[in-house]
Amino acid sequence: MTDVNARKTQLMSRLKELDSRLHVIEDQLDDPRPSDWEEAAVEREGDEVLESLGTQGEAEIRRIRAALQRMRDGTYGECVTCGETISEERLKVLPDTPFCKSCAKAH
């Protein structure tokens, strides 16, 4: 049986961490560019990495919010594809997953 309260606490903690991290990334991306073109090129490469991390963070936030909505709906822990119960072991590792192991392989 899934401990929904434990998973909710875990998801809320991760959501807070991601929110803080995304604010830092936004601040760094808003920093002024150096006037030296070599420094600007190096900084642009760094910005691309930050943008990628930001995109990944935003995707994880969407997955977490969807999992929290499933909790509110009473469907958390049920695979959205086949309706089977998602194993507790899987939810411990991937608390925001909407898929059981079998359906995750198909996606």
PDB file of N, CA and C in Angstrom:
ATOM      1  N   MET A   1       0.852  -1.189   0.000  1.00  0.00           N
ATOM      2  CA  MET A   1       0.000   0.000   0.000  1.00  0.00           C
ATOM      3  C   MET A   1       0.893   1.247   0.000  1.00  0.00           C
ATOM      4  N   THR A   2       0.593   2.161  -0.880  1.00  0.00           N
ATOM      5  CA  THR A   2       1.379   3.376  -1.017  1.00  0.00           C
ATOM      6  C   THR A   2       1.070   4.345   0.119  1.00  0.00           C
ATOM      7  N   ASP A   3       2.113   4.855   0.743  1.00  0.00           N
ATOM      8  CA  ASP A   3       1.964   5.881   1.776  1.00  0.00           C
ATOM      9  C   ASP A   3       1.908   7.229   1.060  1.00  0.00           C
ATOM     10  N   VAL A   4       0.705   7.659   0.725  1.00  0.00           N
ATOM     11  CA  VAL A   4       0.505   8.879  -0.054  1.00  0.00           C
ATOM     12  C   VAL A   4       1.059  10.103   0.665  1.00  0.00           C
ATOM     13  N   ASN A   5       0.902  10.158   1.980  1.00  0.00           N
ATOM     14  CA  ASN A   5       1.412  11.319   2.723  1.00  0.00           C
ATOM     15  C   ASN A   5       2.930  11.411   2.635  1.00  0.00           C
ATOM     16  N   ALA A   6       3.609  10.275   2.707  1.00  0.00           N
ATOM     17  CA  ALA A   6       5.075  10.276   2.587  1.00  0.00           C
ATOM     18  C   ALA A   6       5.486  10.715   1.188  1.00  0.00           C
ATOM     19  N   ARG A   7       4.785  10.227   0.180  1.00  0.00           N
ATOM     20  CA  ARG A   7       5.102  10.616  -1.204  1.00  0.00           C
ATOM     21  C   ARG A   7       4.802  12.094  -1.416  1.00  0.00           C
ATOM     22  N   LYS A   8       3.709  12.580  -0.830  1.00  0.00           N
ATOM     23  CA  LYS A   8       3.357  13.997  -0.977  1.00  0.00           C
ATOM     24  C   LYS A   8       4.445  14.872  -0.358  1.00  0.00           C
ATOM     25  N   THR A   9       4.916  14.499   0.817  1.00  0.00           N
ATOM     26  CA  THR A   9       5.988  15.246   1.477  1.00  0.00           C
ATOM     27  C   THR A   9       7.240  15.245   0.610  1.00  0.00           C
ATOM     28  N   GLN A  10       7.565  14.086   0.057  1.00  0.00           N
ATOM     29  CA  GLN A  10       8.731  13.953  -0.820  1.00  0.00           C
ATOM     30  C   GLN A  10       8.582  14.841  -2.051  1.00  0.00           C
ATOM     31  N   LEU A  11       7.421  14.829  -2.670  1.00  0.00           N
ATOM     32  CA  LEU A  11       7.184  15.631  -3.869  1.00  0.00           C
ATOM     33  C   LEU A  11       7.197  17.127  -3.565  1.00  0.00           C
ATOM     34  N   MET A  12       6.603  17.520  -2.458  1.00  0.00           N
ATOM     35  CA  MET A  12       6.578  18.937  -2.097  1.00  0.00           C
ATOM     36  C   MET A  12       7.994  19.446  -1.812  1.00  0.00           C
ATOM     37  N   SER A  13       8.800  18.624  -1.167  1.00  0.00           N
ATOM     38  CA  SER A  13      10.189  18.994  -0.890  1.00  0.00           C
ATOM     39  C   SER A  13      10.962  19.175  -2.194  1.00  0.00           C
ATOM     40  N   ARG A  14      10.771  18.246  -3.118  1.00  0.00           N
ATOM     41  CA  ARG A  14      11.461  18.337  -4.402  1.00  0.00           C
ATOM     42  C   ARG A  14      10.974  19.553  -5.190  1.00  0.00           C
ATOM     43  N   LEU A  15       9.702  19.837  -5.135  1.00  0.00           N
ATOM     44  CA  LEU A  15       9.141  21.001  -5.827  1.00  0.00           C
ATOM     45  C   LEU A  15       9.762  22.296  -5.300  1.00  0.00           C
ATOM     46  N   LYS A  16       9.906  22.388  -3.996  1.00  0.00           N
ATOM     47  CA  LYS A  16      10.529  23.567  -3.386  1.00  0.00           C
ATOM     48  C   LYS A  16      11.985  23.693  -3.834  1.00  0.00           C
ATOM     49  N   GLU A  17      12.697  22.582  -3.852  1.00  0.00           N
ATOM     50  CA  GLU A  17      14.100  22.575  -4.282  1.00  0.00           C
ATOM     51  C   GLU A  17      14.224  23.019  -5.747  1.00  0.00           C
ATOM     52  N   LEU A  18      13.358  22.494  -6.599  1.00  0.00           N
ATOM     53  CA  LEU A  18      13.397  22.867  -8.014  1.00  0.00           C
ATOM     54  C   LEU A  18      13.064  24.335  -8.219  1.00  0.00           C
ATOM     55  N   ASP A  19      12.090  24.832  -7.483  1.00  0.00           N
ATOM     56  CA  ASP A  19      11.707  26.236  -7.594  1.00  0.00           C
ATOM     57  C   ASP A  19      12.888  27.138  -7.243  1.00  0.00           C
ATOM     58  N   SER A  20      13.580  26.817  -6.160  1.00  0.00           N
ATOM     59  CA  SER A  20      14.755  27.601  -5.762  1.00  0.00           C
ATOM     60  C   SER A  20      15.834  27.541  -6.833  1.00  0.00           C
ATOM     61  N   ARG A  21      16.080  26.351  -7.336  1.00  0.00           N
ATOM     62  CA  ARG A  21      17.115  26.164  -8.354  1.00  0.00           C
ATOM     63  C   ARG A  21      16.783  26.935  -9.632  1.00  0.00           C
ATOM     64  N   LEU A  22      15.520  26.917 -10.035  1.00  0.00           N
ATOM     65  CA  LEU A  22      15.137  27.636 -11.257  1.00  0.00           C
ATOM     66  C   LEU A  22      15.273  29.143 -11.081  1.00  0.00           C
ATOM     67  N   HIS A  23      15.021  29.652  -9.888  1.00  0.00           N
ATOM     68  CA  HIS A  23      15.214  31.086  -9.644  1.00  0.00           C
ATOM     69  C   HIS A  23      16.692  31.458  -9.776  1.00  0.00           C
ATOM     70  N   VAL A  24      17.570  30.610  -9.266  1.00  0.00           N
ATOM     71  CA  VAL A  24      19.013  30.860  -9.384  1.00  0.00           C
ATOM     72  C   VAL A  24      19.428  30.853 -10.854  1.00  0.00           C
ATOM     73  N   ILE A  25      18.919  29.883 -11.607  1.00  0.00           N
ATOM     74  CA  ILE A  25      19.243  29.791 -13.032  1.00  0.00           C
ATOM     75  C   ILE A  25      18.771  31.045 -13.765  1.00  0.00           C
ATOM     76  N   GLU A  26      17.554  31.481 -13.477  1.00  0.00           N
ATOM     77  CA  GLU A  26      17.021  32.690 -14.115  1.00  0.00           C
ATOM     78  C   GLU A  26      17.891  33.902 -13.800  1.00  0.00           C
ATOM     79  N   ASP A  27      18.299  34.011 -12.551  1.00  0.00           N
ATOM     80  CA  ASP A  27      19.157  35.136 -12.160  1.00  0.00           C
ATOM     81  C   ASP A  27      20.483  35.100 -12.908  1.00  0.00           C
ATOM     82  N   GLN A  28      21.065  33.917 -13.033  1.00  0.00           N
ATOM     83  CA  GLN A  28      22.342  33.796 -13.732  1.00  0.00           C
ATOM     84  C   GLN A  28      22.189  34.108 -15.226  1.00  0.00           C
ATOM     85  N   LEU A  29      21.091  33.697 -15.806  1.00  0.00           N
ATOM     86  CA  LEU A  29      20.865  33.977 -17.222  1.00  0.00           C
ATOM     87  C   LEU A  29      20.605  35.466 -17.475  1.00  0.00           C
ATOM     88  N   ASP A  30      20.130  36.168 -16.462  1.00  0.00           N
ATOM     89  CA  ASP A  30      19.860  37.602 -16.602  1.00  0.00           C
ATOM     90  C   ASP A  30      21.096  38.467 -16.381  1.00  0.00           C
ATOM     91  N   ASP A  31      22.196  37.862 -15.917  1.00  0.00           N
ATOM     92  CA  ASP A  31      23.431  38.636 -15.708  1.00  0.00           C
ATOM     93  C   ASP A  31      23.888  39.253 -17.024  1.00  0.00           C
ATOM     94  N   PRO A  32      24.477  40.460 -16.966  1.00  0.00           N
ATOM     95  CA  PRO A  32      24.957  41.106 -18.190  1.00  0.00           C
ATOM     96  C   PRO A  32      26.082  40.295 -18.854  1.00  0.00           C
ATOM     97  N   ARG A  33      26.159  40.410 -20.157  1.00  0.00           N
ATOM     98  CA  ARG A  33      27.175  39.706 -20.941  1.00  0.00           C
ATOM     99  C   ARG A  33      28.492  40.484 -20.920  1.00  0.00           C
ATOM    100  N   PRO A  34      29.621  39.763 -20.905  1.00  0.00           N
ATOM    101  CA  PRO A  34      30.915  40.455 -21.000  1.00  0.00           C
ATOM    102  C   PRO A  34      31.096  41.040 -22.405  1.00  0.00           C
ATOM    103  N   SER A  35      31.885  42.093 -22.504  1.00  0.00           N
ATOM    104  CA  SER A  35      32.086  42.740 -23.807  1.00  0.00           C
ATOM    105  C   SER A  35      33.118  41.994 -24.650  1.00  0.00           C
ATOM    106  N   ASP A  36      34.017  41.259 -24.026  1.00  0.00           N
ATOM    107  CA  ASP A  36      35.018  40.485 -24.758  1.00  0.00           C
ATOM    108  C   ASP A  36      34.329  39.309 -25.442  1.00  0.00           C
ATOM    109  N   TRP A  37      34.543  39.161 -26.758  1.00  0.00           N
ATOM    110  CA  TRP A  37      33.808  38.137 -27.501  1.00  0.00           C
ATOM    111  C   TRP A  37      34.184  36.722 -27.085  1.00  0.00           C
ATOM    112  N   GLU A  38      35.439  36.472 -26.689  1.00  0.00           N
ATOM    113  CA  GLU A  38      35.820  35.134 -26.239  1.00  0.00           C
ATOM    114  C   GLU A  38      35.127  34.793 -24.923  1.00  0.00           C
ATOM    115  N   GLU A  39      35.116  35.739 -24.007  1.00  0.00           N
ATOM    116  CA  GLU A  39      34.428  35.522 -22.742  1.00  0.00           C
ATOM    117  C   GLU A  39      32.928  35.357 -22.971  1.00  0.00           C
ATOM    118  N   ALA A  40      32.392  36.140 -23.893  1.00  0.00           N
ATOM    119  CA  ALA A  40      30.969  36.045 -24.201  1.00  0.00           C
ATOM    120  C   ALA A  40      30.631  34.674 -24.787  1.00  0.00           C
ATOM    121  N   ALA A  41      31.523  34.138 -25.642  1.00  0.00           N
ATOM    122  CA  ALA A  41      31.290  32.817 -26.236  1.00  0.00           C
ATOM    123  C   ALA A  41      31.297  31.723 -25.167  1.00  0.00           C
ATOM    124  N   VAL A  42      32.242  31.805 -24.251  1.00  0.00           N
ATOM    125  CA  VAL A  42      32.310  30.833 -23.160  1.00  0.00           C
ATOM    126  C   VAL A  42      31.078  30.946 -22.270  1.00  0.00           C
ATOM    127  N   GLU A  43      30.674  32.172 -21.996  1.00  0.00           N
ATOM    128  CA  GLU A  43      29.493  32.376 -21.163  1.00  0.00           C
ATOM    129  C   GLU A  43      28.237  31.864 -21.861  1.00  0.00           C
ATOM    130  N   ARG A  44      28.176  32.031 -23.178  1.00  0.00           N
ATOM    131  CA  ARG A  44      27.017  31.542 -23.933  1.00  0.00           C
ATOM    132  C   ARG A  44      26.909  30.020 -23.822  1.00  0.00           C
ATOM    133  N   GLU A  45      28.051  29.334 -23.873  1.00  0.00           N
ATOM    134  CA  GLU A  45      28.033  27.881 -23.694  1.00  0.00           C
ATOM    135  C   GLU A  45      27.481  27.531 -22.315  1.00  0.00           C
ATOM    136  N   GLY A  46      27.911  28.282 -21.314  1.00  0.00           N
ATOM    137  CA  GLY A  46      27.392  28.066 -19.961  1.00  0.00           C
ATOM    138  C   GLY A  46      25.900  28.335 -19.881  1.00  0.00           C
ATOM    139  N   ASP A  47      25.461  29.369 -20.591  1.00  0.00           N
ATOM    140  CA  ASP A  47      24.033  29.689 -20.619  1.00  0.00           C
ATOM    141  C   ASP A  47      23.225  28.555 -21.241  1.00  0.00           C
ATOM    142  N   GLU A  48      23.769  27.915 -22.265  1.00  0.00           N
ATOM    143  CA  GLU A  48      23.067  26.799 -22.906  1.00  0.00           C
ATOM    144  C   GLU A  48      22.881  25.645 -21.923  1.00  0.00           C
ATOM    145  N   VAL A  49      23.906  25.401 -21.121  1.00  0.00           N
ATOM    146  CA  VAL A  49      23.799  24.362 -20.094  1.00  0.00           C
ATOM    147  C   VAL A  49      22.730  24.750 -19.075  1.00  0.00           C
ATOM    148  N   LEU A  50      22.760  26.009 -18.624  1.00  0.00           N
ATOM    149  CA  LEU A  50      21.766  26.480 -17.662  1.00  0.00           C
ATOM    150  C   LEU A  50      20.353  26.388 -18.232  1.00  0.00           C
ATOM    151  N   GLU A  51      20.195  26.763 -19.503  1.00  0.00           N
ATOM    152  CA  GLU A  51      18.880  26.696 -20.135  1.00  0.00           C
ATOM    153  C   GLU A  51      18.389  25.253 -20.194  1.00  0.00           C
ATOM    154  N   SER A  52      19.285  24.325 -20.492  1.00  0.00           N
ATOM    155  CA  SER A  52      18.923  22.910 -20.527  1.00  0.00           C
ATOM    156  C   SER A  52      18.494  22.422 -19.145  1.00  0.00           C
ATOM    157  N   LEU A  53      19.255  22.815 -18.121  1.00  0.00           N
ATOM    158  CA  LEU A  53      18.891  22.449 -16.752  1.00  0.00           C
ATOM    159  C   LEU A  53      17.537  23.053 -16.373  1.00  0.00           C
ATOM    160  N   GLY A  54      17.309  24.280 -16.804  1.00  0.00           N
ATOM    161  CA  GLY A  54      16.025  24.929 -16.535  1.00  0.00           C
ATOM    162  C   GLY A  54      14.874  24.203 -17.205  1.00  0.00           C
ATOM    163  N   THR A  55      15.078  23.792 -18.441  1.00  0.00           N
ATOM    164  CA  THR A  55      14.042  23.064 -19.173  1.00  0.00           C
ATOM    165  C   THR A  55      13.738  21.728 -18.494  1.00  0.00           C
ATOM    166  N   GLN A  56      14.790  21.031 -18.083  1.00  0.00           N
ATOM    167  CA  GLN A  56      14.600  19.759 -17.383  1.00  0.00           C
ATOM    168  C   GLN A  56      13.876  19.970 -16.058  1.00  0.00           C
ATOM    169  N   GLY A  57      14.242  21.036 -15.356  1.00  0.00           N
ATOM    170  CA  GLY A  57      13.585  21.345 -14.091  1.00  0.00           C
ATOM    171  C   GLY A  57      12.113  21.666 -14.271  1.00  0.00           C
ATOM    172  N   GLU A  58      11.796  22.414 -15.310  1.00  0.00           N
ATOM    173  CA  GLU A  58      10.397  22.751 -15.593  1.00  0.00           C
ATOM    174  C   GLU A  58       9.589  21.503 -15.924  1.00  0.00           C
ATOM    175  N   ALA A  59      10.190  20.569 -16.668  1.00  0.00           N
ATOM    176  CA  ALA A  59       9.507  19.316 -17.001  1.00  0.00           C
ATOM    177  C   ALA A  59       9.242  18.504 -15.732  1.00  0.00           C
ATOM    178  N   GLU A  60      10.225  18.475 -14.831  1.00  0.00           N
ATOM    179  CA  GLU A  60      10.038  17.739 -13.579  1.00  0.00           C
ATOM    180  C   GLU A  60       8.958  18.393 -12.727  1.00  0.00           C
ATOM    181  N   ILE A  61       8.917  19.713 -12.721  1.00  0.00           N
ATOM    182  CA  ILE A  61       7.867  20.420 -11.979  1.00  0.00           C
ATOM    183  C   ILE A  61       6.490  20.047 -12.524  1.00  0.00           C
ATOM    184  N   ARG A  62       6.350  19.971 -13.831  1.00  0.00           N
ATOM    185  CA  ARG A  62       5.060  19.573 -14.425  1.00  0.00           C
ATOM    186  C   ARG A  62       4.680  18.155 -13.994  1.00  0.00           C
ATOM    187  N   ARG A  63       5.669  17.241 -13.972  1.00  0.00           N
ATOM    188  CA  ARG A  63       5.385  15.856 -13.557  1.00  0.00           C
ATOM    189  C   ARG A  63       4.976  15.807 -12.083  1.00  0.00           C
ATOM    190  N   ILE A  64       5.639  16.596 -11.250  1.00  0.00           N
ATOM    191  CA  ILE A  64       5.308  16.625  -9.827  1.00  0.00           C
ATOM    192  C   ILE A  64       3.911  17.182  -9.617  1.00  0.00           C
ATOM    193  N   ARG A  65       3.590  18.265 -10.298  1.00  0.00           N
ATOM    194  CA  ARG A  65       2.252  18.855 -10.152  1.00  0.00           C
ATOM    195  C   ARG A  65       1.172  17.881 -10.620  1.00  0.00           C
ATOM    196  N   ALA A  66       1.463  17.132 -11.682  1.00  0.00           N
ATOM    197  CA  ALA A  66       0.504  16.129 -12.158  1.00  0.00           C
ATOM    198  C   ALA A  66       0.326  15.024 -11.115  1.00  0.00           C
ATOM    199  N   ALA A  67       1.428  14.612 -10.475  1.00  0.00           N
ATOM    200  CA  ALA A  67       1.342  13.583  -9.433  1.00  0.00           C
ATOM    201  C   ALA A  67       0.534  14.099  -8.240  1.00  0.00           C
ATOM    202  N   LEU A  68       0.756  15.355  -7.864  1.00  0.00           N
ATOM    203  CA  LEU A  68      -0.013  15.939  -6.762  1.00  0.00           C
ATOM    204  C   LEU A  68      -1.495  16.018  -7.114  1.00  0.00           C
ATOM    205  N   GLN A  69      -1.796  16.294  -8.363  1.00  0.00           N
ATOM    206  CA  GLN A  69      -3.199  16.314  -8.797  1.00  0.00           C
ATOM    207  C   GLN A  69      -3.803  14.919  -8.719  1.00  0.00           C
ATOM    208  N   ARG A  70      -3.026  13.897  -9.107  1.00  0.00           N
ATOM    209  CA  ARG A  70      -3.527  12.517  -8.994  1.00  0.00           C
ATOM    210  C   ARG A  70      -3.794  12.166  -7.526  1.00  0.00           C
ATOM    211  N   MET A  71      -2.976  12.702  -6.627  1.00  0.00           N
ATOM    212  CA  MET A  71      -3.217  12.479  -5.193  1.00  0.00           C
ATOM    213  C   MET A  71      -4.557  13.090  -4.789  1.00  0.00           C
ATOM    214  N   ARG A  72      -4.799  14.315  -5.233  1.00  0.00           N
ATOM    215  CA  ARG A  72      -6.065  14.979  -4.904  1.00  0.00           C
ATOM    216  C   ARG A  72      -7.258  14.231  -5.504  1.00  0.00           C
ATOM    217  N   ASP A  73      -7.040  13.650  -6.694  1.00  0.00           N
ATOM    218  CA  ASP A  73      -8.109  12.919  -7.374  1.00  0.00           C
ATOM    219  C   ASP A  73      -8.311  11.513  -6.825  1.00  0.00           C
ATOM    220  N   GLY A  74      -7.353  11.057  -6.002  1.00  0.00           N
ATOM    221  CA  GLY A  74      -7.446   9.707  -5.451  1.00  0.00           C
ATOM    222  C   GLY A  74      -6.958   8.624  -6.395  1.00  0.00           C
ATOM    223  N   THR A  75      -6.207   9.012  -7.435  1.00  0.00           N
ATOM    224  CA  THR A  75      -5.721   8.026  -8.407  1.00  0.00           C
ATOM    225  C   THR A  75      -4.211   7.849  -8.364  1.00  0.00           C
ATOM    226  N   TYR A  76      -3.552   8.477  -7.394  1.00  0.00           N
ATOM    227  CA  TYR A  76      -2.106   8.343  -7.283  1.00  0.00           C
ATOM    228  C   TYR A  76      -1.755   6.877  -7.024  1.00  0.00           C
ATOM    229  N   GLY A  77      -0.724   6.407  -7.713  1.00  0.00           N
ATOM    230  CA  GLY A  77      -0.299   5.020  -7.557  1.00  0.00           C
ATOM    231  C   GLY A  77      -0.952   4.079  -8.547  1.00  0.00           C
ATOM    232  N   GLU A  78      -1.853   4.611  -9.364  1.00  0.00           N
ATOM    233  CA  GLU A  78      -2.481   3.827 -10.426  1.00  0.00           C
ATOM    234  C   GLU A  78      -1.882   4.270 -11.752  1.00  0.00           C
ATOM    235  N   CYS A  79      -1.505   3.318 -12.592  1.00  0.00           N
ATOM    236  CA  CYS A  79      -0.946   3.628 -13.909  1.00  0.00           C
ATOM    237  C   CYS A  79      -2.006   4.334 -14.749  1.00  0.00           C
ATOM    238  N   VAL A  80      -1.631   5.464 -15.345  1.00  0.00           N
ATOM    239  CA  VAL A  80      -2.583   6.229 -16.154  1.00  0.00           C
ATOM    240  C   VAL A  80      -2.880   5.541 -17.480  1.00  0.00           C
ATOM    241  N   THR A  81      -2.052   4.572 -17.859  1.00  0.00           N
ATOM    242  CA  THR A  81      -2.267   3.869 -19.119  1.00  0.00           C
ATOM    243  C   THR A  81      -3.145   2.633 -18.945  1.00  0.00           C
ATOM    244  N   CYS A  82      -2.747   1.751 -18.018  1.00  0.00           N
ATOM    245  CA  CYS A  82      -3.451   0.473 -17.891  1.00  0.00           C
ATOM    246  C   CYS A  82      -4.313   0.368 -16.635  1.00  0.00           C
ATOM    247  N   GLY A  83      -4.131   1.290 -15.676  1.00  0.00           N
ATOM    248  CA  GLY A  83      -4.921   1.270 -14.454  1.00  0.00           C
ATOM    249  C   GLY A  83      -4.390   0.343 -13.373  1.00  0.00           C
ATOM    250  N   GLU A  84      -3.326  -0.393 -13.656  1.00  0.00           N
ATOM    251  CA  GLU A  84      -2.734  -1.280 -12.663  1.00  0.00           C
ATOM    252  C   GLU A  84      -2.040  -0.462 -11.574  1.00  0.00           C
ATOM    253  N   THR A  85      -1.847  -1.085 -10.416  1.00  0.00           N
ATOM    254  CA  THR A  85      -1.160  -0.430  -9.317  1.00  0.00           C
ATOM    255  C   THR A  85       0.328  -0.332  -9.623  1.00  0.00           C
ATOM    256  N   ILE A  86       0.896   0.848  -9.402  1.00  0.00           N
ATOM    257  CA  ILE A  86       2.336   1.067  -9.556  1.00  0.00           C
ATOM    258  C   ILE A  86       2.994   0.558  -8.282  1.00  0.00           C
ATOM    259  N   SER A  87       4.056  -0.211  -8.427  1.00  0.00           N
ATOM    260  CA  SER A  87       4.696  -0.812  -7.255  1.00  0.00           C
ATOM    261  C   SER A  87       5.253   0.259  -6.319  1.00  0.00           C
ATOM    262  N   GLU A  88       5.234  -0.067  -5.028  1.00  0.00           N
ATOM    263  CA  GLU A  88       5.767   0.845  -4.015  1.00  0.00           C
ATOM    264  C   GLU A  88       7.242   1.118  -4.267  1.00  0.00           C
ATOM    265  N   GLU A  89       7.980   0.095  -4.693  1.00  0.00           N
ATOM    266  CA  GLU A  89       9.407   0.265  -4.981  1.00  0.00           C
ATOM    267  C   GLU A  89       9.608   1.301  -6.085  1.00  0.00           C
ATOM    268  N   ARG A  90       8.783   1.243  -7.109  1.00  0.00           N
ATOM    269  CA  ARG A  90       8.880   2.201  -8.223  1.00  0.00           C
ATOM    270  C   ARG A  90       8.535   3.614  -7.755  1.00  0.00           C
ATOM    271  N   LEU A  91       7.500   3.734  -6.936  1.00  0.00           N
ATOM    272  CA  LEU A  91       7.096   5.055  -6.435  1.00  0.00           C
ATOM    273  C   LEU A  91       8.138   5.650  -5.491  1.00  0.00           C
ATOM    274  N   LYS A  92       8.867   4.795  -4.778  1.00  0.00           N
ATOM    275  CA  LYS A  92       9.934   5.306  -3.909  1.00  0.00           C
ATOM    276  C   LYS A  92      11.021   5.968  -4.734  1.00  0.00           C
ATOM    277  N   VAL A  93      11.342   5.363  -5.873  1.00  0.00           N
ATOM    278  CA  VAL A  93      12.402   5.878  -6.738  1.00  0.00           C
ATOM    279  C   VAL A  93      11.897   7.014  -7.620  1.00  0.00           C
ATOM    280  N   LEU A  94      10.700   6.865  -8.139  1.00  0.00           N
ATOM    281  CA  LEU A  94      10.099   7.840  -9.066  1.00  0.00           C
ATOM    282  C   LEU A  94       8.719   8.251  -8.548  1.00  0.00           C
ATOM    283  N   PRO A  95       8.671   9.056  -7.503  1.00  0.00           N
ATOM    284  CA  PRO A  95       7.368   9.363  -6.902  1.00  0.00           C
ATOM    285  C   PRO A  95       6.415  10.127  -7.820  1.00  0.00           C
ATOM    286  N   ASP A  96       6.932  10.708  -8.905  1.00  0.00           N
ATOM    287  CA  ASP A  96       6.053  11.450  -9.815  1.00  0.00           C
ATOM    288  C   ASP A  96       5.635  10.632 -11.035  1.00  0.00           C
ATOM    289  N   THR A  97       6.029   9.355 -11.094  1.00  0.00           N
ATOM    290  CA  THR A  97       5.727   8.565 -12.280  1.00  0.00           C
ATOM    291  C   THR A  97       4.230   8.294 -12.426  1.00  0.00           C
ATOM    292  N   PRO A  98       3.716   8.438 -13.642  1.00  0.00           N
ATOM    293  CA  PRO A  98       2.309   8.099 -13.873  1.00  0.00           C
ATOM    294  C   PRO A  98       2.144   6.683 -14.436  1.00  0.00           C
ATOM    295  N   PHE A  99       3.270   5.973 -14.623  1.00  0.00           N
ATOM    296  CA  PHE A  99       3.237   4.685 -15.311  1.00  0.00           C
ATOM    297  C   PHE A  99       3.761   3.541 -14.447  1.00  0.00           C
ATOM    298  N   CYS A 100       3.164   2.371 -14.621  1.00  0.00           N
ATOM    299  CA  CYS A 100       3.728   1.155 -14.040  1.00  0.00           C
ATOM    300  C   CYS A 100       4.952   0.795 -14.873  1.00  0.00           C
ATOM    301  N   LYS A 101       5.720  -0.145 -14.407  1.00  0.00           N
ATOM    302  CA  LYS A 101       6.964  -0.518 -15.076  1.00  0.00           C
ATOM    303  C   LYS A 101       6.720  -0.983 -16.508  1.00  0.00           C
ATOM    304  N   SER A 102       5.687  -1.779 -16.705  1.00  0.00           N
ATOM    305  CA  SER A 102       5.393  -2.302 -18.048  1.00  0.00           C
ATOM    306  C   SER A 102       5.028  -1.192 -19.029  1.00  0.00           C
ATOM    307  N   CYS A 103       4.174  -0.291 -18.604  1.00  0.00           N
ATOM    308  CA  CYS A 103       3.739   0.788 -19.496  1.00  0.00           C
ATOM    309  C   CYS A 103       4.852   1.808 -19.714  1.00  0.00           C
ATOM    310  N   ALA A 104       5.723   1.997 -18.721  1.00  0.00           N
ATOM    311  CA  ALA A 104       6.835   2.930 -18.878  1.00  0.00           C
ATOM    312  C   ALA A 104       7.770   2.474 -19.994  1.00  0.00           C
ATOM    313  N   LYS A 105       7.932   1.161 -20.136  1.00  0.00           N
ATOM    314  CA  LYS A 105       8.781   0.619 -21.204  1.00  0.00           C
ATOM    315  C   LYS A 105       8.207   0.932 -22.571  1.00  0.00           C
ATOM    316  N   ALA A 106       6.880   0.985 -22.658  1.00  0.00           N
ATOM    317  CA  ALA A 106       6.211   1.249 -23.937  1.00  0.00           C
ATOM    318  C   ALA A 106       6.289   2.723 -24.337  1.00  0.00           C
ATOM    319  N   HIS A 107       6.540   3.594 -23.351  1.00  0.00           N
ATOM    320  CA  HIS A 107       6.619   5.034 -23.670  1.00  0.00           C
ATOM    321  C   HIS A 107       8.011   5.378 -23.947  1.00  0.00           C
TER     322      HIS A 107
END
